[in-house]
Amino acid sequence: SKKKPYSLHRVTFNDALADGLYARICLRRGIDWT
C-alpha cells in the first residue's frame, strides 16, 4: 500500500516453476527434464 517505502517481491510456487525451478532440480539431480 506504499505506507512503508520498501521494495516488495512476490514469488509463488507457480512463479518459480515458470522461471525454471523444476528444470534446475533436474539438472542438479542429473535427470532429464520433461
Full PDB file with SEQRES, HELIX, SHEET, SSBOND, CRYST1, ORIGX, SCALE, CONECT and MASTER records, all heavy atoms in Angstrom:
SEQRES   1 A   34  SER LYS LYS LYS PRO TYR SER LEU HIS ARG VAL THR PHE          
SEQRES   2 A   34  ASN ASP ALA LEU ALA ASP GLY LEU TYR ALA ARG ILE CYS          
SEQRES   3 A   34  LEU ARG ARG GLY ILE ASP TRP THR                              
HELIX    1 AA1 PHE A   13  ALA A   18  1                                   6    
HELIX    2 AA2 LEU A   21  ARG A   29  1                                   9    
CRYST1    1.000    1.000    1.000  90.00  90.00  90.00 P 1           1          
ORIGX1      1.000000  0.000000  0.000000        0.00000                         
ORIGX2      0.000000  1.000000  0.000000        0.00000                         
ORIGX3      0.000000  0.000000  1.000000        0.00000                         
SCALE1      1.000000  0.000000  0.000000        0.00000                         
SCALE2      0.000000  1.000000  0.000000        0.00000                         
SCALE3      0.000000  0.000000  1.000000        0.00000                         
ATOM      1  N   SER A   1       0.815  -1.219   0.000  1.00  0.00           N  
ATOM      2  CA  SER A   1       0.000   0.000   0.000  1.00  0.00           C  
ATOM      3  C   SER A   1       0.843   1.261   0.000  1.00  0.00           C  
ATOM      4  O   SER A   1       0.310   2.364   0.029  1.00  0.00           O  
ATOM      5  CB  SER A   1      -0.919   0.005   1.227  1.00  0.00           C  
ATOM      6  OG  SER A   1      -0.160   0.079   2.428  1.00  0.00           O  
ATOM      7  N   LYS A   2       2.169   1.117  -0.017  1.00  0.00           N  
ATOM      8  CA  LYS A   2       3.119   2.230  -0.027  1.00  0.00           C  
ATOM      9  C   LYS A   2       3.139   3.002   1.290  1.00  0.00           C  
ATOM     10  O   LYS A   2       3.682   4.105   1.351  1.00  0.00           O  
ATOM     11  CB  LYS A   2       2.826   3.205  -1.182  1.00  0.00           C  
ATOM     12  CG  LYS A   2       2.690   2.550  -2.546  1.00  0.00           C  
ATOM     13  CD  LYS A   2       3.924   1.750  -2.938  1.00  0.00           C  
ATOM     14  CE  LYS A   2       3.788   1.151  -4.332  1.00  0.00           C  
ATOM     15  NZ  LYS A   2       4.922   0.276  -4.695  1.00  0.00           N  
ATOM     16  N   LYS A   3       2.562   2.428   2.345  1.00  0.00           N  
ATOM     17  CA  LYS A   3       2.693   3.064   3.656  1.00  0.00           C  
ATOM     18  C   LYS A   3       4.135   2.981   4.136  1.00  0.00           C  
ATOM     19  O   LYS A   3       4.590   3.820   4.909  1.00  0.00           O  
ATOM     20  CB  LYS A   3       1.764   2.386   4.673  1.00  0.00           C  
ATOM     21  CG  LYS A   3       0.297   2.693   4.467  1.00  0.00           C  
ATOM     22  CD  LYS A   3      -0.582   2.006   5.494  1.00  0.00           C  
ATOM     23  CE  LYS A   3      -0.383   2.576   6.887  1.00  0.00           C  
ATOM     24  NZ  LYS A   3      -1.334   1.990   7.867  1.00  0.00           N  
ATOM     25  N   LYS A   4       4.833   1.953   3.709  1.00  0.00           N  
ATOM     26  CA  LYS A   4       6.254   1.803   4.000  1.00  0.00           C  
ATOM     27  C   LYS A   4       7.018   1.845   2.671  1.00  0.00           C  
ATOM     28  O   LYS A   4       6.617   1.188   1.707  1.00  0.00           O  
ATOM     29  CB  LYS A   4       6.539   0.474   4.709  1.00  0.00           C  
ATOM     30  CG  LYS A   4       5.827   0.300   6.042  1.00  0.00           C  
ATOM     31  CD  LYS A   4       6.419   1.179   7.126  1.00  0.00           C  
ATOM     32  CE  LYS A   4       5.820   0.831   8.487  1.00  0.00           C  
ATOM     33  NZ  LYS A   4       6.336   1.730   9.551  1.00  0.00           N  
ATOM     34  N   PRO A   5       8.096   2.598   2.595  1.00  0.00           N  
ATOM     35  CA  PRO A   5       8.824   2.742   1.318  1.00  0.00           C  
ATOM     36  C   PRO A   5       9.759   1.574   1.038  1.00  0.00           C  
ATOM     37  O   PRO A   5      10.946   1.766   0.768  1.00  0.00           O  
ATOM     38  CB  PRO A   5       9.595   4.048   1.538  1.00  0.00           C  
ATOM     39  CG  PRO A   5       9.889   4.055   3.007  1.00  0.00           C  
ATOM     40  CD  PRO A   5       8.680   3.435   3.669  1.00  0.00           C  
ATOM     41  N   TYR A   6       9.223   0.365   1.121  1.00  0.00           N  
ATOM     42  CA  TYR A   6      10.037  -0.821   0.944  1.00  0.00           C  
ATOM     43  C   TYR A   6       9.787  -1.428  -0.429  1.00  0.00           C  
ATOM     44  O   TYR A   6       8.687  -1.355  -0.979  1.00  0.00           O  
ATOM     45  CB  TYR A   6       9.720  -1.866   2.012  1.00  0.00           C  
ATOM     46  CG  TYR A   6       9.840  -1.388   3.444  1.00  0.00           C  
ATOM     47  CD1 TYR A   6       9.133  -2.032   4.459  1.00  0.00           C  
ATOM     48  CD2 TYR A   6      10.649  -0.309   3.782  1.00  0.00           C  
ATOM     49  CE1 TYR A   6       9.244  -1.606   5.778  1.00  0.00           C  
ATOM     50  CE2 TYR A   6      10.758   0.121   5.091  1.00  0.00           C  
ATOM     51  CZ  TYR A   6      10.044  -0.530   6.087  1.00  0.00           C  
ATOM     52  OH  TYR A   6      10.146  -0.092   7.387  1.00  0.00           O  
ATOM     53  N   SER A   7      10.806  -2.049  -0.987  1.00  0.00           N  
ATOM     54  CA  SER A   7      10.663  -2.785  -2.236  1.00  0.00           C  
ATOM     55  C   SER A   7      10.047  -4.157  -1.929  1.00  0.00           C  
ATOM     56  O   SER A   7      10.520  -4.867  -1.048  1.00  0.00           O  
ATOM     57  CB  SER A   7      12.031  -2.958  -2.899  1.00  0.00           C  
ATOM     58  OG  SER A   7      11.918  -3.772  -4.044  1.00  0.00           O  
ATOM     59  N   LEU A   8       8.987  -4.509  -2.656  1.00  0.00           N  
ATOM     60  CA  LEU A   8       8.268  -5.754  -2.380  1.00  0.00           C  
ATOM     61  C   LEU A   8       8.399  -6.721  -3.548  1.00  0.00           C  
ATOM     62  O   LEU A   8       8.142  -6.365  -4.700  1.00  0.00           O  
ATOM     63  CB  LEU A   8       6.787  -5.456  -2.118  1.00  0.00           C  
ATOM     64  CG  LEU A   8       5.893  -6.667  -1.834  1.00  0.00           C  
ATOM     65  CD1 LEU A   8       6.341  -7.390  -0.563  1.00  0.00           C  
ATOM     66  CD2 LEU A   8       4.433  -6.230  -1.716  1.00  0.00           C  
ATOM     67  N   HIS A   9       8.807  -7.952  -3.251  1.00  0.00           N  
ATOM     68  CA  HIS A   9       8.889  -9.031  -4.231  1.00  0.00           C  
ATOM     69  C   HIS A   9       7.902 -10.129  -3.826  1.00  0.00           C  
ATOM     70  O   HIS A   9       7.630 -10.320  -2.641  1.00  0.00           O  
ATOM     71  CB  HIS A   9      10.293  -9.631  -4.286  1.00  0.00           C  
ATOM     72  CG  HIS A   9      11.343  -8.672  -4.756  1.00  0.00           C  
ATOM     73  ND1 HIS A   9      12.070  -8.871  -5.920  1.00  0.00           N  
ATOM     74  CD2 HIS A   9      11.816  -7.510  -4.217  1.00  0.00           C  
ATOM     75  CE1 HIS A   9      12.929  -7.880  -6.070  1.00  0.00           C  
ATOM     76  NE2 HIS A   9      12.798  -7.044  -5.049  1.00  0.00           N  
ATOM     77  N   ARG A  10       7.427 -10.873  -4.822  1.00  0.00           N  
ATOM     78  CA  ARG A  10       6.488 -11.970  -4.556  1.00  0.00           C  
ATOM     79  C   ARG A  10       6.772 -13.099  -5.530  1.00  0.00           C  
ATOM     80  O   ARG A  10       6.745 -12.900  -6.747  1.00  0.00           O  
ATOM     81  CB  ARG A  10       5.048 -11.481  -4.709  1.00  0.00           C  
ATOM     82  CG  ARG A  10       3.968 -12.500  -4.347  1.00  0.00           C  
ATOM     83  CD  ARG A  10       2.594 -11.814  -4.404  1.00  0.00           C  
ATOM     84  NE  ARG A  10       1.561 -12.672  -3.870  1.00  0.00           N  
ATOM     85  CZ  ARG A  10       0.830 -13.518  -4.616  1.00  0.00           C  
ATOM     86  NH1 ARG A  10       1.055 -13.596  -5.918  1.00  0.00           N  
ATOM     87  NH2 ARG A  10      -0.100 -14.259  -4.063  1.00  0.00           N  
ATOM     88  N   VAL A  11       7.055 -14.289  -5.000  1.00  0.00           N  
ATOM     89  CA  VAL A  11       7.332 -15.448  -5.854  1.00  0.00           C  
ATOM     90  C   VAL A  11       6.534 -16.634  -5.332  1.00  0.00           C  
ATOM     91  O   VAL A  11       6.842 -17.197  -4.275  1.00  0.00           O  
ATOM     92  CB  VAL A  11       8.838 -15.795  -5.886  1.00  0.00           C  
ATOM     93  CG1 VAL A  11       9.077 -16.977  -6.821  1.00  0.00           C  
ATOM     94  CG2 VAL A  11       9.668 -14.599  -6.331  1.00  0.00           C  
ATOM     95  N   THR A  12       5.510 -17.018  -6.067  1.00  0.00           N  
ATOM     96  CA  THR A  12       4.733 -18.200  -5.715  1.00  0.00           C  
ATOM     97  C   THR A  12       5.411 -19.447  -6.285  1.00  0.00           C  
ATOM     98  O   THR A  12       6.374 -19.362  -7.066  1.00  0.00           O  
ATOM     99  CB  THR A  12       3.311 -18.101  -6.274  1.00  0.00           C  
ATOM    100  OG1 THR A  12       3.367 -18.144  -7.708  1.00  0.00           O  
ATOM    101  CG2 THR A  12       2.623 -16.796  -5.835  1.00  0.00           C  
ATOM    102  N   PHE A  13       4.888 -20.593  -5.919  1.00  0.00           N  
ATOM    103  CA  PHE A  13       5.400 -21.855  -6.443  1.00  0.00           C  
ATOM    104  C   PHE A  13       5.281 -21.886  -7.969  1.00  0.00           C  
ATOM    105  O   PHE A  13       6.219 -22.295  -8.674  1.00  0.00           O  
ATOM    106  CB  PHE A  13       4.627 -23.012  -5.816  1.00  0.00           C  
ATOM    107  CG  PHE A  13       5.106 -24.385  -6.227  1.00  0.00           C  
ATOM    108  CD1 PHE A  13       6.393 -24.809  -5.925  1.00  0.00           C  
ATOM    109  CD2 PHE A  13       4.261 -25.248  -6.892  1.00  0.00           C  
ATOM    110  CE1 PHE A  13       6.832 -26.074  -6.291  1.00  0.00           C  
ATOM    111  CE2 PHE A  13       4.679 -26.520  -7.257  1.00  0.00           C  
ATOM    112  CZ  PHE A  13       5.973 -26.924  -6.964  1.00  0.00           C  
ATOM    113  N   ASN A  14       4.135 -21.418  -8.491  1.00  0.00           N  
ATOM    114  CA  ASN A  14       3.950 -21.396  -9.940  1.00  0.00           C  
ATOM    115  C   ASN A  14       4.913 -20.414 -10.613  1.00  0.00           C  
ATOM    116  O   ASN A  14       5.404 -20.667 -11.716  1.00  0.00           O  
ATOM    117  CB  ASN A  14       2.504 -21.036 -10.287  1.00  0.00           C  
ATOM    118  CG  ASN A  14       1.537 -22.179 -10.005  1.00  0.00           C  
ATOM    119  OD1 ASN A  14       1.947 -23.323  -9.847  1.00  0.00           O  
ATOM    120  ND2 ASN A  14       0.261 -21.863  -9.931  1.00  0.00           N  
ATOM    121  N   ASP A  15       5.167 -19.280  -9.952  1.00  0.00           N  
ATOM    122  CA  ASP A  15       6.142 -18.332 -10.491  1.00  0.00           C  
ATOM    123  C   ASP A  15       7.522 -18.987 -10.602  1.00  0.00           C  
ATOM    124  O   ASP A  15       8.229 -18.812 -11.596  1.00  0.00           O  
ATOM    125  CB  ASP A  15       6.245 -17.095  -9.597  1.00  0.00           C  
ATOM    126  CG  ASP A  15       4.976 -16.266  -9.582  1.00  0.00           C  
ATOM    127  OD1 ASP A  15       4.219 -16.313 -10.573  1.00  0.00           O  
ATOM    128  OD2 ASP A  15       4.740 -15.572  -8.569  1.00  0.00           O  
ATOM    129  N   ALA A  16       7.893 -19.715  -9.553  1.00  0.00           N  
ATOM    130  CA  ALA A  16       9.199 -20.364  -9.545  1.00  0.00           C  
ATOM    131  C   ALA A  16       9.289 -21.429 -10.631  1.00  0.00           C  
ATOM    132  O   ALA A  16      10.324 -21.570 -11.306  1.00  0.00           O  
ATOM    133  CB  ALA A  16       9.466 -20.976  -8.168  1.00  0.00           C  
ATOM    134  N   LEU A  17       8.200 -22.181 -10.827  1.00  0.00           N  
ATOM    135  CA  LEU A  17       8.185 -23.173 -11.902  1.00  0.00           C  
ATOM    136  C   LEU A  17       8.356 -22.499 -13.257  1.00  0.00           C  
ATOM    137  O   LEU A  17       9.112 -22.971 -14.119  1.00  0.00           O  
ATOM    138  CB  LEU A  17       6.868 -23.953 -11.875  1.00  0.00           C  
ATOM    139  CG  LEU A  17       6.690 -24.989 -10.769  1.00  0.00           C  
ATOM    140  CD1 LEU A  17       5.291 -25.596 -10.843  1.00  0.00           C  
ATOM    141  CD2 LEU A  17       7.742 -26.084 -10.857  1.00  0.00           C  
ATOM    142  N   ALA A  18       7.653 -21.373 -13.447  1.00  0.00           N  
ATOM    143  CA  ALA A  18       7.738 -20.655 -14.722  1.00  0.00           C  
ATOM    144  C   ALA A  18       9.145 -20.139 -14.981  1.00  0.00           C  
ATOM    145  O   ALA A  18       9.565 -19.992 -16.138  1.00  0.00           O  
ATOM    146  CB  ALA A  18       6.735 -19.506 -14.747  1.00  0.00           C  
ATOM    147  N   ASP A  19       9.883 -19.868 -13.904  1.00  0.00           N  
ATOM    148  CA  ASP A  19      11.257 -19.389 -14.044  1.00  0.00           C  
ATOM    149  C   ASP A  19      12.284 -20.521 -14.085  1.00  0.00           C  
ATOM    150  O   ASP A  19      13.486 -20.265 -14.067  1.00  0.00           O  
ATOM    151  CB  ASP A  19      11.592 -18.430 -12.901  1.00  0.00           C  
ATOM    152  CG  ASP A  19      11.198 -17.002 -13.224  1.00  0.00           C  
ATOM    153  OD1 ASP A  19      10.750 -16.743 -14.349  1.00  0.00           O  
ATOM    154  OD2 ASP A  19      11.340 -16.127 -12.337  1.00  0.00           O  
ATOM    155  N   GLY A  20      11.804 -21.767 -14.096  1.00  0.00           N  
ATOM    156  CA  GLY A  20      12.721 -22.890 -14.307  1.00  0.00           C  
ATOM    157  C   GLY A  20      13.143 -23.658 -13.077  1.00  0.00           C  
ATOM    158  O   GLY A  20      14.175 -24.344 -13.093  1.00  0.00           O  
ATOM    159  N   LEU A  21      12.374 -23.602 -11.988  1.00  0.00           N  
ATOM    160  CA  LEU A  21      12.761 -24.292 -10.755  1.00  0.00           C  
ATOM    161  C   LEU A  21      12.916 -25.801 -10.968  1.00  0.00           C  
ATOM    162  O   LEU A  21      13.927 -26.391 -10.580  1.00  0.00           O  
ATOM    163  CB  LEU A  21      11.726 -24.018  -9.658  1.00  0.00           C  
ATOM    164  CG  LEU A  21      11.934 -24.776  -8.340  1.00  0.00           C  
ATOM    165  CD1 LEU A  21      13.247 -24.368  -7.677  1.00  0.00           C  
ATOM    166  CD2 LEU A  21      10.754 -24.545  -7.388  1.00  0.00           C  
ATOM    167  N   TYR A  22      11.915 -26.430 -11.567  1.00  0.00           N  
ATOM    168  CA  TYR A  22      11.988 -27.879 -11.736  1.00  0.00           C  
ATOM    169  C   TYR A  22      13.116 -28.267 -12.686  1.00  0.00           C  
ATOM    170  O   TYR A  22      13.811 -29.271 -12.465  1.00  0.00           O  
ATOM    171  CB  TYR A  22      10.654 -28.431 -12.235  1.00  0.00           C  
ATOM    172  CG  TYR A  22      10.685 -29.928 -12.462  1.00  0.00           C  
ATOM    173  CD1 TYR A  22      10.758 -30.814 -11.389  1.00  0.00           C  
ATOM    174  CD2 TYR A  22      10.672 -30.451 -13.756  1.00  0.00           C  
ATOM    175  CE1 TYR A  22      10.803 -32.184 -11.590  1.00  0.00           C  
ATOM    176  CE2 TYR A  22      10.715 -31.828 -13.973  1.00  0.00           C  
ATOM    177  CZ  TYR A  22      10.786 -32.688 -12.884  1.00  0.00           C  
ATOM    178  OH  TYR A  22      10.839 -34.050 -13.083  1.00  0.00           O  
ATOM    179  N   ALA A  23      13.313 -27.463 -13.738  1.00  0.00           N  
ATOM    180  CA  ALA A  23      14.413 -27.754 -14.659  1.00  0.00           C  
ATOM    181  C   ALA A  23      15.751 -27.707 -13.939  1.00  0.00           C  
ATOM    182  O   ALA A  23      16.647 -28.516 -14.200  1.00  0.00           O  
ATOM    183  CB  ALA A  23      14.396 -26.753 -15.824  1.00  0.00           C  
ATOM    184  N   ARG A  24      15.888 -26.770 -13.008  1.00  0.00           N  
ATOM    185  CA  ARG A  24      17.126 -26.671 -12.240  1.00  0.00           C  
ATOM    186  C   ARG A  24      17.289 -27.872 -11.304  1.00  0.00           C  
ATOM    187  O   ARG A  24      18.401 -28.378 -11.109  1.00  0.00           O  
ATOM    188  CB  ARG A  24      17.140 -25.357 -11.448  1.00  0.00           C  
ATOM    189  CG  ARG A  24      18.436 -25.108 -10.665  1.00  0.00           C  
ATOM    190  CD  ARG A  24      19.666 -25.135 -11.580  1.00  0.00           C  
ATOM    191  NE  ARG A  24      19.497 -24.321 -12.771  1.00  0.00           N  
ATOM    192  CZ  ARG A  24      19.736 -23.011 -12.806  1.00  0.00           C  
ATOM    193  NH1 ARG A  24      20.157 -22.383 -11.716  1.00  0.00           N  
ATOM    194  NH2 ARG A  24      19.573 -22.347 -13.934  1.00  0.00           N  
ATOM    195  N   ILE A  25      16.194 -28.336 -10.726  1.00  0.00           N  
ATOM    196  CA  ILE A  25      16.244 -29.523  -9.875  1.00  0.00           C  
ATOM    197  C   ILE A  25      16.667 -30.737 -10.695  1.00  0.00           C  
ATOM    198  O   ILE A  25      17.467 -31.575 -10.247  1.00  0.00           O  
ATOM    199  CB  ILE A  25      14.861 -29.756  -9.211  1.00  0.00           C  
ATOM    200  CG1 ILE A  25      14.596 -28.667  -8.161  1.00  0.00           C  
ATOM    201  CG2 ILE A  25      14.786 -31.141  -8.568  1.00  0.00           C  
ATOM    202  CD1 ILE A  25      13.198 -28.698  -7.591  1.00  0.00           C  
ATOM    203  N   CYS A  26      16.141 -30.836 -11.917  1.00  0.00           N  
ATOM    204  CA  CYS A  26      16.542 -31.934 -12.805  1.00  0.00           C  
ATOM    205  C   CYS A  26      18.040 -31.868 -13.098  1.00  0.00           C  
ATOM    206  O   CYS A  26      18.745 -32.893 -13.082  1.00  0.00           O  
ATOM    207  CB  CYS A  26      15.756 -31.872 -14.113  1.00  0.00           C  
ATOM    208  SG  CYS A  26      14.012 -32.300 -13.950  1.00  0.00           S  
ATOM    209  N   LEU A  27      18.537 -30.673 -13.363  1.00  0.00           N  
ATOM    210  CA  LEU A  27      19.957 -30.510 -13.639  1.00  0.00           C  
ATOM    211  C   LEU A  27      20.793 -30.930 -12.431  1.00  0.00           C  
ATOM    212  O   LEU A  27      21.810 -31.613 -12.567  1.00  0.00           O  
ATOM    213  CB  LEU A  27      20.238 -29.049 -13.992  1.00  0.00           C  
ATOM    214  CG  LEU A  27      21.684 -28.684 -14.335  1.00  0.00           C  
ATOM    215  CD1 LEU A  27      22.110 -29.394 -15.620  1.00  0.00           C  
ATOM    216  CD2 LEU A  27      21.820 -27.173 -14.497  1.00  0.00           C  
ATOM    217  N   ARG A  28      20.337 -30.515 -11.256  1.00  0.00           N  
ATOM    218  CA  ARG A  28      21.069 -30.838 -10.025  1.00  0.00           C  
ATOM    219  C   ARG A  28      21.075 -32.352  -9.763  1.00  0.00           C  
ATOM    220  O   ARG A  28      22.079 -32.902  -9.304  1.00  0.00           O  
ATOM    221  CB  ARG A  28      20.413 -30.092  -8.857  1.00  0.00           C  
ATOM    222  CG  ARG A  28      21.074 -30.284  -7.508  1.00  0.00           C  
ATOM    223  CD  ARG A  28      22.330 -29.447  -7.385  1.00  0.00           C  
ATOM    224  NE  ARG A  28      22.914 -29.553  -6.072  1.00  0.00           N  
ATOM    225  CZ  ARG A  28      22.654 -28.717  -5.065  1.00  0.00           C  
ATOM    226  NH1 ARG A  28      21.797 -27.720  -5.243  1.00  0.00           N  
ATOM    227  NH2 ARG A  28      23.247 -28.860  -3.909  1.00  0.00           N  
ATOM    228  N   ARG A  29      19.968 -32.999 -10.082  1.00  0.00           N  
ATOM    229  CA  ARG A  29      19.842 -34.438  -9.814  1.00  0.00           C  
ATOM    230  C   ARG A  29      20.346 -35.291 -10.971  1.00  0.00           C  
ATOM    231  O   ARG A  29      20.396 -36.517 -10.855  1.00  0.00           O  
ATOM    232  CB  ARG A  29      18.382 -34.777  -9.521  1.00  0.00           C  
ATOM    233  CG  ARG A  29      17.843 -34.140  -8.245  1.00  0.00           C  
ATOM    234  CD  ARG A  29      16.345 -34.358  -8.102  1.00  0.00           C  
ATOM    235  NE  ARG A  29      16.017 -35.774  -8.100  1.00  0.00           N  
ATOM    236  CZ  ARG A  29      14.758 -36.239  -8.167  1.00  0.00           C  
ATOM    237  NH1 ARG A  29      13.747 -35.395  -8.274  1.00  0.00           N  
ATOM    238  NH2 ARG A  29      14.538 -37.531  -8.144  1.00  0.00           N  
ATOM    239  N   GLY A  30      20.663 -34.673 -12.102  1.00  0.00           N  
ATOM    240  CA  GLY A  30      21.172 -35.432 -13.242  1.00  0.00           C  
ATOM    241  C   GLY A  30      20.123 -36.233 -13.960  1.00  0.00           C  
ATOM    242  O   GLY A  30      20.420 -37.313 -14.499  1.00  0.00           O  
ATOM    243  N   ILE A  31      18.901 -35.725 -13.974  1.00  0.00           N  
ATOM    244  CA  ILE A  31      17.827 -36.428 -14.677  1.00  0.00           C  
ATOM    245  C   ILE A  31      17.309 -35.530 -15.799  1.00  0.00           C  
ATOM    246  O   ILE A  31      17.510 -34.320 -15.806  1.00  0.00           O  
ATOM    247  CB  ILE A  31      16.671 -36.819 -13.732  1.00  0.00           C  
ATOM    248  CG1 ILE A  31      16.047 -35.560 -13.100  1.00  0.00           C  
ATOM    249  CG2 ILE A  31      17.161 -37.763 -12.653  1.00  0.00           C  
ATOM    250  CD1 ILE A  31      14.857 -35.861 -12.200  1.00  0.00           C  
ATOM    251  N   ASP A  32      16.654 -36.151 -16.771  1.00  0.00           N  
ATOM    252  CA  ASP A  32      16.134 -35.407 -17.917  1.00  0.00           C  
ATOM    253  C   ASP A  32      14.853 -34.673 -17.545  1.00  0.00           C  
ATOM    254  O   ASP A  32      13.976 -35.220 -16.863  1.00  0.00           O  
ATOM    255  CB  ASP A  32      15.845 -36.356 -19.085  1.00  0.00           C  
ATOM    256  CG  ASP A  32      17.120 -36.944 -19.676  1.00  0.00           C  
ATOM    257  OD1 ASP A  32      18.165 -36.269 -19.569  1.00  0.00           O  
ATOM    258  OD2 ASP A  32      17.054 -38.059 -20.222  1.00  0.00           O  
ATOM    259  N   TRP A  33      14.769 -33.427 -18.027  1.00  0.00           N  
ATOM    260  CA  TRP A  33      13.543 -32.661 -17.828  1.00  0.00           C  
ATOM    261  C   TRP A  33      12.521 -33.031 -18.882  1.00  0.00           C  
ATOM    262  O   TRP A  33      12.848 -33.179 -20.071  1.00  0.00           O  
ATOM    263  CB  TRP A  33      13.839 -31.166 -17.947  1.00  0.00           C  
ATOM    264  CG  TRP A  33      12.604 -30.312 -17.843  1.00  0.00           C  
ATOM    265  CD1 TRP A  33      12.088 -29.764 -16.720  1.00  0.00           C  
ATOM    266  CD2 TRP A  33      11.727 -29.921 -18.913  1.00  0.00           C  
ATOM    267  NE1 TRP A  33      10.952 -29.058 -17.001  1.00  0.00           N  
ATOM    268  CE2 TRP A  33      10.694 -29.139 -18.349  1.00  0.00           C  
ATOM    269  CE3 TRP A  33      11.720 -30.163 -20.288  1.00  0.00           C  
ATOM    270  CZ2 TRP A  33       9.662 -28.601 -19.108  1.00  0.00           C  
ATOM    271  CZ3 TRP A  33      10.678 -29.622 -21.054  1.00  0.00           C  
ATOM    272  CH2 TRP A  33       9.662 -28.853 -20.473  1.00  0.00           C  
ATOM    273  N   THR A  34      11.263 -33.227 -18.446  1.00  0.00           N  
ATOM    274  CA  THR A  34      10.151 -33.399 -19.377  1.00  0.00           C  
ATOM    275  C   THR A  34       8.969 -32.597 -18.839  1.00  0.00           C  
ATOM    276  O   THR A  34       8.846 -32.364 -17.629  1.00  0.00           O  
ATOM    277  CB  THR A  34       9.717 -34.874 -19.514  1.00  0.00           C  
ATOM    278  OG1 THR A  34       9.211 -35.342 -18.258  1.00  0.00           O  
ATOM    279  CG2 THR A  34      10.885 -35.754 -19.975  1.00  0.00           C  
TER     280      THR A  34                                                      
MASTER        0    0    0    2    0    0    0    6  279    1    0    3          
END                                                                             
